[in-house]
């Protein structure tokens, strides 16, 4: 059975935030409200991925509370972390 290949023509820009455990949940809430986020990746101080949250309209609309609960539980376990945000690239930026 052949593997499905995804078209990678869409570009995304990445942004990183270095936060303490107290700031994680609020920052994730803020990012989700922005609406142009594709994925949020939470890494520990060593750079290991602790959680990856793909954000689509369906995910944001139906399961946001459990995601925030999981982020809150994760925040209780770490002291510092990095949040990597993949944003959808706007058409104006991709034309440059």
PDB file of N, CA and C in Angstrom:
ATOM      1  N   UNK A   1       0.843  -1.179   0.000  1.00  0.00           N
ATOM      2  CA  UNK A   1       0.000   0.000   0.000  1.00  0.00           C
ATOM      3  C   UNK A   1       0.892   1.248   0.000  1.00  0.00           C
ATOM      4  N   UNK A   2       0.750   2.132  -0.978  1.00  0.00           N
ATOM      5  CA  UNK A   2       1.611   3.305  -1.051  1.00  0.00           C
ATOM      6  C   UNK A   2       1.276   4.312   0.055  1.00  0.00           C
ATOM      7  N   UNK A   3       2.312   4.994   0.515  1.00  0.00           N
ATOM      8  CA  UNK A   3       2.118   6.014   1.535  1.00  0.00           C
ATOM      9  C   UNK A   3       1.537   7.273   0.899  1.00  0.00           C
ATOM     10  N   UNK A   4       0.673   7.924   1.646  1.00  0.00           N
ATOM     11  CA  UNK A   4       0.061   9.156   1.162  1.00  0.00           C
ATOM     12  C   UNK A   4       1.051  10.305   1.329  1.00  0.00           C
ATOM     13  N   UNK A   5       1.202  11.097   0.309  1.00  0.00           N
ATOM     14  CA  UNK A   5       2.093  12.256   0.380  1.00  0.00           C
ATOM     15  C   UNK A   5       1.256  13.516   0.464  1.00  0.00           C
ATOM     16  N   UNK A   6       1.665  14.393   1.354  1.00  0.00           N
ATOM     17  CA  UNK A   6       0.955  15.661   1.499  1.00  0.00           C
ATOM     18  C   UNK A   6       1.662  16.723   0.682  1.00  0.00           C
ATOM     19  N   UNK A   7       0.879  17.613   0.113  1.00  0.00           N
ATOM     20  CA  UNK A   7       1.428  18.717  -0.656  1.00  0.00           C
ATOM     21  C   UNK A   7       1.997  19.738   0.325  1.00  0.00           C
ATOM     22  N   UNK A   8       3.268  20.011   0.228  1.00  0.00           N
ATOM     23  CA  UNK A   8       3.925  20.929   1.160  1.00  0.00           C
ATOM     24  C   UNK A   8       4.144  22.301   0.519  1.00  0.00           C
ATOM     25  N   UNK A   9       3.259  22.722  -0.369  1.00  0.00           N
ATOM     26  CA  UNK A   9       3.444  24.001  -1.019  1.00  0.00           C
ATOM     27  C   UNK A   9       3.082  25.162  -0.097  1.00  0.00           C
ATOM     28  N   UNK A  10       2.225  24.908   0.895  1.00  0.00           N
ATOM     29  CA  UNK A  10       1.897  25.969   1.844  1.00  0.00           C
ATOM     30  C   UNK A  10       3.093  26.215   2.739  1.00  0.00           C
ATOM     31  N   UNK A  11       3.381  27.479   2.988  1.00  0.00           N
ATOM     32  CA  UNK A  11       4.505  27.821   3.840  1.00  0.00           C
ATOM     33  C   UNK A  11       3.986  28.296   5.183  1.00  0.00           C
ATOM     34  N   UNK A  12       4.805  28.103   6.184  1.00  0.00           N
ATOM     35  CA  UNK A  12       4.456  28.550   7.528  1.00  0.00           C
ATOM     36  C   UNK A  12       5.648  29.280   8.115  1.00  0.00           C
ATOM     37  N   UNK A  13       5.361  30.259   8.905  1.00  0.00           N
ATOM     38  CA  UNK A  13       6.432  30.941   9.609  1.00  0.00           C
ATOM     39  C   UNK A  13       6.408  30.485  11.058  1.00  0.00           C
ATOM     40  N   UNK A  14       7.580  30.387  11.658  1.00  0.00           N
ATOM     41  CA  UNK A  14       7.690  29.891  13.024  1.00  0.00           C
ATOM     42  C   UNK A  14       8.127  31.017  13.948  1.00  0.00           C
ATOM     43  N   UNK A  15       7.610  30.955  15.155  1.00  0.00           N
ATOM     44  CA  UNK A  15       7.938  31.938  16.173  1.00  0.00           C
ATOM     45  C   UNK A  15       8.108  31.186  17.491  1.00  0.00           C
ATOM     46  N   UNK A  16       9.064  31.601  18.307  1.00  0.00           N
ATOM     47  CA  UNK A  16       9.306  30.934  19.581  1.00  0.00           C
ATOM     48  C   UNK A  16       9.091  31.888  20.742  1.00  0.00           C
ATOM     49  N   UNK A  17       8.535  31.353  21.822  1.00  0.00           N
ATOM     50  CA  UNK A  17       8.340  32.098  23.057  1.00  0.00           C
ATOM     51  C   UNK A  17       8.968  31.286  24.179  1.00  0.00           C
ATOM     52  N   UNK A  18       9.777  31.920  25.013  1.00  0.00           N
ATOM     53  CA  UNK A  18      10.391  31.257  26.170  1.00  0.00           C
ATOM     54  C   UNK A  18       9.618  31.719  27.398  1.00  0.00           C
ATOM     55  N   UNK A  19       8.964  30.767  28.072  1.00  0.00           N
ATOM     56  CA  UNK A  19       8.042  31.098  29.146  1.00  0.00           C
ATOM     57  C   UNK A  19       8.315  30.291  30.407  1.00  0.00           C
ATOM     58  N   UNK A  20       7.761  30.783  31.513  1.00  0.00           N
ATOM     59  CA  UNK A  20       7.765  30.014  32.751  1.00  0.00           C
ATOM     60  C   UNK A  20       6.455  29.249  32.833  1.00  0.00           C
ATOM     61  N   UNK A  21       6.375  28.326  33.783  1.00  0.00           N
ATOM     62  CA  UNK A  21       5.174  27.488  33.900  1.00  0.00           C
ATOM     63  C   UNK A  21       3.920  28.308  34.167  1.00  0.00           C
ATOM     64  N   UNK A  22       4.055  29.433  34.843  1.00  0.00           N
ATOM     65  CA  UNK A  22       2.893  30.281  35.147  1.00  0.00           C
ATOM     66  C   UNK A  22       2.294  30.929  33.900  1.00  0.00           C
ATOM     67  N   UNK A  23       3.085  31.096  32.866  1.00  0.00           N
ATOM     68  CA  UNK A  23       2.659  31.821  31.668  1.00  0.00           C
ATOM     69  C   UNK A  23       2.141  30.931  30.541  1.00  0.00           C
ATOM     70  N   UNK A  24       2.371  29.632  30.640  1.00  0.00           N
ATOM     71  CA  UNK A  24       2.095  28.723  29.522  1.00  0.00           C
ATOM     72  C   UNK A  24       0.626  28.726  29.107  1.00  0.00           C
ATOM     73  N   UNK A  25      -0.282  28.472  30.035  1.00  0.00           N
ATOM     74  CA  UNK A  25      -1.703  28.324  29.691  1.00  0.00           C
ATOM     75  C   UNK A  25      -2.256  29.623  29.101  1.00  0.00           C
ATOM     76  N   UNK A  26      -1.917  30.748  29.707  1.00  0.00           N
ATOM     77  CA  UNK A  26      -2.418  32.029  29.191  1.00  0.00           C
ATOM     78  C   UNK A  26      -1.917  32.300  27.773  1.00  0.00           C
ATOM     79  N   UNK A  27      -0.649  31.973  27.514  1.00  0.00           N
ATOM     80  CA  UNK A  27      -0.087  32.195  26.179  1.00  0.00           C
ATOM     81  C   UNK A  27      -0.755  31.297  25.153  1.00  0.00           C
ATOM     82  N   UNK A  28      -1.013  30.031  25.507  1.00  0.00           N
ATOM     83  CA  UNK A  28      -1.686  29.117  24.581  1.00  0.00           C
ATOM     84  C   UNK A  28      -3.100  29.623  24.286  1.00  0.00           C
ATOM     85  N   UNK A  29      -3.817  30.073  25.308  1.00  0.00           N
ATOM     86  CA  UNK A  29      -5.163  30.644  25.091  1.00  0.00           C
ATOM     87  C   UNK A  29      -5.101  31.825  24.128  1.00  0.00           C
ATOM     88  N   UNK A  30      -4.139  32.708  24.364  1.00  0.00           N
ATOM     89  CA  UNK A  30      -3.969  33.896  23.525  1.00  0.00           C
ATOM     90  C   UNK A  30      -3.683  33.506  22.070  1.00  0.00           C
ATOM     91  N   UNK A  31      -2.817  32.532  21.889  1.00  0.00           N
ATOM     92  CA  UNK A  31      -2.460  32.093  20.534  1.00  0.00           C
ATOM     93  C   UNK A  31      -3.647  31.465  19.819  1.00  0.00           C
ATOM     94  N   UNK A  32      -4.427  30.659  20.527  1.00  0.00           N
ATOM     95  CA  UNK A  32      -5.582  30.015  19.912  1.00  0.00           C
ATOM     96  C   UNK A  32      -6.602  31.058  19.458  1.00  0.00           C
ATOM     97  N   UNK A  33      -6.786  32.106  20.243  1.00  0.00           N
ATOM     98  CA  UNK A  33      -7.741  33.168  19.886  1.00  0.00           C
ATOM     99  C   UNK A  33      -7.325  33.917  18.620  1.00  0.00           C
ATOM    100  N   UNK A  34      -6.022  33.959  18.335  1.00  0.00           N
ATOM    101  CA  UNK A  34      -5.540  34.665  17.143  1.00  0.00           C
ATOM    102  C   UNK A  34      -6.101  34.068  15.864  1.00  0.00           C
ATOM    103  N   UNK A  35      -6.221  32.757  15.815  1.00  0.00           N
ATOM    104  CA  UNK A  35      -6.876  32.110  14.689  1.00  0.00           C
ATOM    105  C   UNK A  35      -6.014  31.793  13.481  1.00  0.00           C
ATOM    106  N   UNK A  36      -4.801  32.313  13.385  1.00  0.00           N
ATOM    107  CA  UNK A  36      -3.965  32.015  12.211  1.00  0.00           C
ATOM    108  C   UNK A  36      -2.837  31.052  12.563  1.00  0.00           C
ATOM    109  N   UNK A  37      -3.051  30.250  13.584  1.00  0.00           N
ATOM    110  CA  UNK A  37      -2.044  29.310  14.057  1.00  0.00           C
ATOM    111  C   UNK A  37      -2.319  27.922  13.485  1.00  0.00           C
ATOM    112  N   UNK A  38      -1.304  27.283  12.957  1.00  0.00           N
ATOM    113  CA  UNK A  38      -1.422  25.913  12.458  1.00  0.00           C
ATOM    114  C   UNK A  38      -1.137  24.892  13.540  1.00  0.00           C
ATOM    115  N   UNK A  39      -0.069  25.154  14.320  1.00  0.00           N
ATOM    116  CA  UNK A  39       0.375  24.165  15.298  1.00  0.00           C
ATOM    117  C   UNK A  39       1.120  24.870  16.416  1.00  0.00           C
ATOM    118  N   UNK A  40       0.964  24.337  17.623  1.00  0.00           N
ATOM    119  CA  UNK A  40       1.712  24.810  18.781  1.00  0.00           C
ATOM    120  C   UNK A  40       2.519  23.620  19.302  1.00  0.00           C
ATOM    121  N   UNK A  41       3.808  23.834  19.488  1.00  0.00           N
ATOM    122  CA  UNK A  41       4.691  22.790  20.002  1.00  0.00           C
ATOM    123  C   UNK A  41       5.286  23.301  21.313  1.00  0.00           C
ATOM    124  N   UNK A  42       5.158  22.506  22.368  1.00  0.00           N
ATOM    125  CA  UNK A  42       5.719  22.879  23.658  1.00  0.00           C
ATOM    126  C   UNK A  42       6.930  21.989  23.917  1.00  0.00           C
ATOM    127  N   UNK A  43       8.080  22.647  24.177  1.00  0.00           N
ATOM    128  CA  UNK A  43       9.328  21.926  24.414  1.00  0.00           C
ATOM    129  C   UNK A  43       9.846  22.252  25.812  1.00  0.00           C
ATOM    130  N   UNK A  44      10.592  21.305  26.400  1.00  0.00           N
ATOM    131  CA  UNK A  44      11.200  21.568  27.698  1.00  0.00           C
ATOM    132  C   UNK A  44      12.515  22.320  27.517  1.00  0.00           C
ATOM    133  N   UNK A  45      13.224  22.548  28.615  1.00  0.00           N
ATOM    134  CA  UNK A  45      14.473  23.309  28.563  1.00  0.00           C
ATOM    135  C   UNK A  45      15.545  22.641  27.711  1.00  0.00           C
ATOM    136  N   UNK A  46      15.497  21.324  27.609  1.00  0.00           N
ATOM    137  CA  UNK A  46      16.481  20.594  26.809  1.00  0.00           C
ATOM    138  C   UNK A  46      16.111  20.539  25.331  1.00  0.00           C
ATOM    139  N   UNK A  47      14.944  21.050  24.965  1.00  0.00           N
ATOM    140  CA  UNK A  47      14.519  21.049  23.576  1.00  0.00           C
ATOM    141  C   UNK A  47      13.698  19.844  23.175  1.00  0.00           C
ATOM    142  N   UNK A  48      13.356  18.976  24.131  1.00  0.00           N
ATOM    143  CA  UNK A  48      12.529  17.808  23.828  1.00  0.00           C
ATOM    144  C   UNK A  48      11.071  18.221  23.710  1.00  0.00           C
ATOM    145  N   UNK A  49      10.386  17.696  22.715  1.00  0.00           N
ATOM    146  CA  UNK A  49       8.977  18.020  22.507  1.00  0.00           C
ATOM    147  C   UNK A  49       8.145  17.308  23.577  1.00  0.00           C
ATOM    148  N   UNK A  50       7.387  18.100  24.332  1.00  0.00           N
ATOM    149  CA  UNK A  50       6.513  17.559  25.365  1.00  0.00           C
ATOM    150  C   UNK A  50       5.087  17.410  24.871  1.00  0.00           C
ATOM    151  N   UNK A  51       4.662  18.332  24.009  1.00  0.00           N
ATOM    152  CA  UNK A  51       3.293  18.311  23.503  1.00  0.00           C
ATOM    153  C   UNK A  51       3.248  19.034  22.165  1.00  0.00           C
ATOM    154  N   UNK A  52       2.479  18.486  21.258  1.00  0.00           N
ATOM    155  CA  UNK A  52       2.274  19.112  19.949  1.00  0.00           C
ATOM    156  C   UNK A  52       0.775  19.208  19.726  1.00  0.00           C
ATOM    157  N   UNK A  53       0.307  20.418  19.461  1.00  0.00           N
ATOM    158  CA  UNK A  53      -1.125  20.656  19.312  1.00  0.00           C
ATOM    159  C   UNK A  53      -1.402  21.147  17.897  1.00  0.00           C
ATOM    160  N   UNK A  54      -1.965  20.302  17.040  1.00  0.00           N
ATOM    161  CA  UNK A  54      -2.364  20.783  15.709  1.00  0.00           C
ATOM    162  C   UNK A  54      -3.674  21.559  15.851  1.00  0.00           C
ATOM    163  N   UNK A  55      -3.739  22.724  15.256  1.00  0.00           N
ATOM    164  CA  UNK A  55      -4.941  23.544  15.398  1.00  0.00           C
ATOM    165  C   UNK A  55      -5.645  23.689  14.059  1.00  0.00           C
ATOM    166  N   UNK A  56      -6.812  23.123  13.999  1.00  0.00           N
ATOM    167  CA  UNK A  56      -7.692  23.307  12.861  1.00  0.00           C
ATOM    168  C   UNK A  56      -8.986  23.868  13.407  1.00  0.00           C
ATOM    169  N   UNK A  57      -9.864  24.314  12.548  1.00  0.00           N
ATOM    170  CA  UNK A  57     -11.133  24.885  13.004  1.00  0.00           C
ATOM    171  C   UNK A  57     -11.911  23.877  13.838  1.00  0.00           C
ATOM    172  N   UNK A  58     -11.917  22.627  13.414  1.00  0.00           N
ATOM    173  CA  UNK A  58     -12.671  21.602  14.137  1.00  0.00           C
ATOM    174  C   UNK A  58     -12.096  21.359  15.523  1.00  0.00           C
ATOM    175  N   UNK A  59     -10.771  21.325  15.623  1.00  0.00           N
ATOM    176  CA  UNK A  59     -10.136  21.093  16.922  1.00  0.00           C
ATOM    177  C   UNK A  59     -10.430  22.243  17.866  1.00  0.00           C
ATOM    178  N   UNK A  60     -10.281  23.456  17.386  1.00  0.00           N
ATOM    179  CA  UNK A  60     -10.502  24.622  18.236  1.00  0.00           C
ATOM    180  C   UNK A  60     -11.946  24.671  18.699  1.00  0.00           C
ATOM    181  N   UNK A  61     -12.863  24.330  17.827  1.00  0.00           N
ATOM    182  CA  UNK A  61     -14.275  24.416  18.173  1.00  0.00           C
ATOM    183  C   UNK A  61     -14.767  23.359  19.131  1.00  0.00           C
ATOM    184  N   UNK A  62     -14.182  22.158  19.118  1.00  0.00           N
ATOM    185  CA  UNK A  62     -14.767  21.065  19.893  1.00  0.00           C
ATOM    186  C   UNK A  62     -13.967  20.622  21.106  1.00  0.00           C
ATOM    187  N   UNK A  63     -12.660  20.687  21.053  1.00  0.00           N
ATOM    188  CA  UNK A  63     -11.893  20.104  22.149  1.00  0.00           C
ATOM    189  C   UNK A  63     -10.906  21.077  22.789  1.00  0.00           C
ATOM    190  N   UNK A  64     -11.235  22.329  22.818  1.00  0.00           N
ATOM    191  CA  UNK A  64     -10.301  23.303  23.372  1.00  0.00           C
ATOM    192  C   UNK A  64     -10.134  23.144  24.878  1.00  0.00           C
ATOM    193  N   UNK A  65     -11.196  22.838  25.612  1.00  0.00           N
ATOM    194  CA  UNK A  65     -11.088  22.691  27.070  1.00  0.00           C
ATOM    195  C   UNK A  65     -10.155  21.555  27.478  1.00  0.00           C
ATOM    196  N   UNK A  66     -10.267  20.354  26.890  1.00  0.00           N
ATOM    197  CA  UNK A  66      -9.315  19.295  27.255  1.00  0.00           C
ATOM    198  C   UNK A  66      -7.871  19.632  26.877  1.00  0.00           C
ATOM    199  N   UNK A  67      -7.674  20.338  25.784  1.00  0.00           N
ATOM    200  CA  UNK A  67      -6.325  20.729  25.388  1.00  0.00           C
ATOM    201  C   UNK A  67      -5.735  21.671  26.431  1.00  0.00           C
ATOM    202  N   UNK A  68      -6.524  22.655  26.862  1.00  0.00           N
ATOM    203  CA  UNK A  68      -6.034  23.589  27.873  1.00  0.00           C
ATOM    204  C   UNK A  68      -5.795  22.893  29.209  1.00  0.00           C
ATOM    205  N   UNK A  69      -6.604  21.897  29.535  1.00  0.00           N
ATOM    206  CA  UNK A  69      -6.391  21.127  30.760  1.00  0.00           C
ATOM    207  C   UNK A  69      -5.070  20.363  30.681  1.00  0.00           C
ATOM    208  N   UNK A  70      -4.786  19.787  29.528  1.00  0.00           N
ATOM    209  CA  UNK A  70      -3.529  19.062  29.339  1.00  0.00           C
ATOM    210  C   UNK A  70      -2.337  20.015  29.413  1.00  0.00           C
ATOM    211  N   UNK A  71      -2.472  21.196  28.826  1.00  0.00           N
ATOM    212  CA  UNK A  71      -1.401  22.195  28.886  1.00  0.00           C
ATOM    213  C   UNK A  71      -1.190  22.629  30.337  1.00  0.00           C
ATOM    214  N   UNK A  72      -2.275  22.780  31.090  1.00  0.00           N
ATOM    215  CA  UNK A  72      -2.167  23.152  32.501  1.00  0.00           C
ATOM    216  C   UNK A  72      -1.459  22.085  33.320  1.00  0.00           C
ATOM    217  N   UNK A  73      -1.763  20.825  33.048  1.00  0.00           N
ATOM    218  CA  UNK A  73      -1.097  19.725  33.744  1.00  0.00           C
ATOM    219  C   UNK A  73       0.388  19.688  33.398  1.00  0.00           C
ATOM    220  N   UNK A  74       0.691  19.933  32.141  1.00  0.00           N
ATOM    221  CA  UNK A  74       2.083  19.972  31.702  1.00  0.00           C
ATOM    222  C   UNK A  74       2.821  21.125  32.379  1.00  0.00           C
ATOM    223  N   UNK A  75       2.162  22.262  32.495  1.00  0.00           N
ATOM    224  CA  UNK A  75       2.773  23.435  33.121  1.00  0.00           C
ATOM    225  C   UNK A  75       3.139  23.160  34.574  1.00  0.00           C
ATOM    226  N   UNK A  76       2.374  22.305  35.232  1.00  0.00           N
ATOM    227  CA  UNK A  76       2.676  21.959  36.619  1.00  0.00           C
ATOM    228  C   UNK A  76       3.951  21.136  36.733  1.00  0.00           C
ATOM    229  N   UNK A  77       4.355  20.488  35.654  1.00  0.00           N
ATOM    230  CA  UNK A  77       5.523  19.610  35.685  1.00  0.00           C
ATOM    231  C   UNK A  77       6.821  20.284  35.256  1.00  0.00           C
ATOM    232  N   UNK A  78       6.728  21.381  34.523  1.00  0.00           N
ATOM    233  CA  UNK A  78       7.934  22.035  34.020  1.00  0.00           C
ATOM    234  C   UNK A  78       8.086  23.415  34.651  1.00  0.00           C
ATOM    235  N   UNK A  79       9.316  23.894  34.723  1.00  0.00           N
ATOM    236  CA  UNK A  79       9.531  25.227  35.263  1.00  0.00           C
ATOM    237  C   UNK A  79       9.691  26.251  34.152  1.00  0.00           C
ATOM    238  N   UNK A  80      10.400  25.865  33.111  1.00  0.00           N
ATOM    239  CA  UNK A  80      10.580  26.743  31.952  1.00  0.00           C
ATOM    240  C   UNK A  80      10.352  25.925  30.699  1.00  0.00           C
ATOM    241  N   UNK A  81       9.833  26.566  29.665  1.00  0.00           N
ATOM    242  CA  UNK A  81       9.635  25.852  28.412  1.00  0.00           C
ATOM    243  C   UNK A  81       9.679  26.822  27.248  1.00  0.00           C
ATOM    244  N   UNK A  82       9.673  26.266  26.068  1.00  0.00           N
ATOM    245  CA  UNK A  82       9.624  27.044  24.838  1.00  0.00           C
ATOM    246  C   UNK A  82       8.377  26.634  24.091  1.00  0.00           C
ATOM    247  N   UNK A  83       7.637  27.616  23.614  1.00  0.00           N
ATOM    248  CA  UNK A  83       6.487  27.346  22.766  1.00  0.00           C
ATOM    249  C   UNK A  83       6.874  27.758  21.350  1.00  0.00           C
ATOM    250  N   UNK A  84       6.803  26.814  20.428  1.00  0.00           N
ATOM    251  CA  UNK A  84       7.068  27.084  19.019  1.00  0.00           C
ATOM    252  C   UNK A  84       5.720  27.159  18.326  1.00  0.00           C
ATOM    253  N   UNK A  85       5.484  28.251  17.609  1.00  0.00           N
ATOM    254  CA  UNK A  85       4.203  28.480  16.959  1.00  0.00           C
ATOM    255  C   UNK A  85       4.408  28.498  15.458  1.00  0.00           C
ATOM    256  N   UNK A  86       3.657  27.667  14.745  1.00  0.00           N
ATOM    257  CA  UNK A  86       3.656  27.700  13.277  1.00  0.00           C
ATOM    258  C   UNK A  86       2.428  28.473  12.852  1.00  0.00           C
ATOM    259  N   UNK A  87       2.658  29.565  12.173  1.00  0.00           N
ATOM    260  CA  UNK A  87       1.557  30.405  11.692  1.00  0.00           C
ATOM    261  C   UNK A  87       1.380  30.213  10.193  1.00  0.00           C
ATOM    262  N   UNK A  88       0.150  30.370   9.752  1.00  0.00           N
ATOM    263  CA  UNK A  88      -0.103  30.355   8.314  1.00  0.00           C
ATOM    264  C   UNK A  88       0.522  31.604   7.728  1.00  0.00           C
ATOM    265  N   UNK A  89       1.215  31.431   6.639  1.00  0.00           N
ATOM    266  CA  UNK A  89       1.844  32.583   5.985  1.00  0.00           C
ATOM    267  C   UNK A  89       0.781  33.314   5.173  1.00  0.00           C
ATOM    268  N   UNK A  90       0.732  34.614   5.338  1.00  0.00           N
ATOM    269  CA  UNK A  90      -0.252  35.385   4.574  1.00  0.00           C
ATOM    270  C   UNK A  90       0.182  35.463   3.109  1.00  0.00           C
ATOM    271  N   UNK A  91      -0.773  35.739   2.230  1.00  0.00           N
ATOM    272  CA  UNK A  91      -0.473  35.810   0.798  1.00  0.00           C
ATOM    273  C   UNK A  91       0.510  36.919   0.493  1.00  0.00           C
ATOM    274  N   UNK A  92       0.406  38.040   1.213  1.00  0.00           N
ATOM    275  CA  UNK A  92       1.320  39.166   0.973  1.00  0.00           C
ATOM    276  C   UNK A  92       2.752  38.764   1.269  1.00  0.00           C
ATOM    277  N   UNK A  93       2.967  37.983   2.350  1.00  0.00           N
ATOM    278  CA  UNK A  93       4.305  37.564   2.693  1.00  0.00           C
ATOM    279  C   UNK A  93       4.844  36.554   1.699  1.00  0.00           C
ATOM    280  N   UNK A  94       3.995  35.671   1.189  1.00  0.00           N
ATOM    281  CA  UNK A  94       4.461  34.635   0.270  1.00  0.00           C
ATOM    282  C   UNK A  94       4.787  35.206  -1.110  1.00  0.00           C
ATOM    283  N   UNK A  95       4.248  36.381  -1.430  1.00  0.00           N
ATOM    284  CA  UNK A  95       4.526  36.995  -2.721  1.00  0.00           C
ATOM    285  C   UNK A  95       5.888  37.686  -2.747  1.00  0.00           C
ATOM    286  N   UNK A  96       6.465  37.959  -1.576  1.00  0.00           N
ATOM    287  CA  UNK A  96       7.751  38.668  -1.502  1.00  0.00           C
ATOM    288  C   UNK A  96       8.882  37.785  -1.937  1.00  0.00           C
TER     289      UNK A  96
END
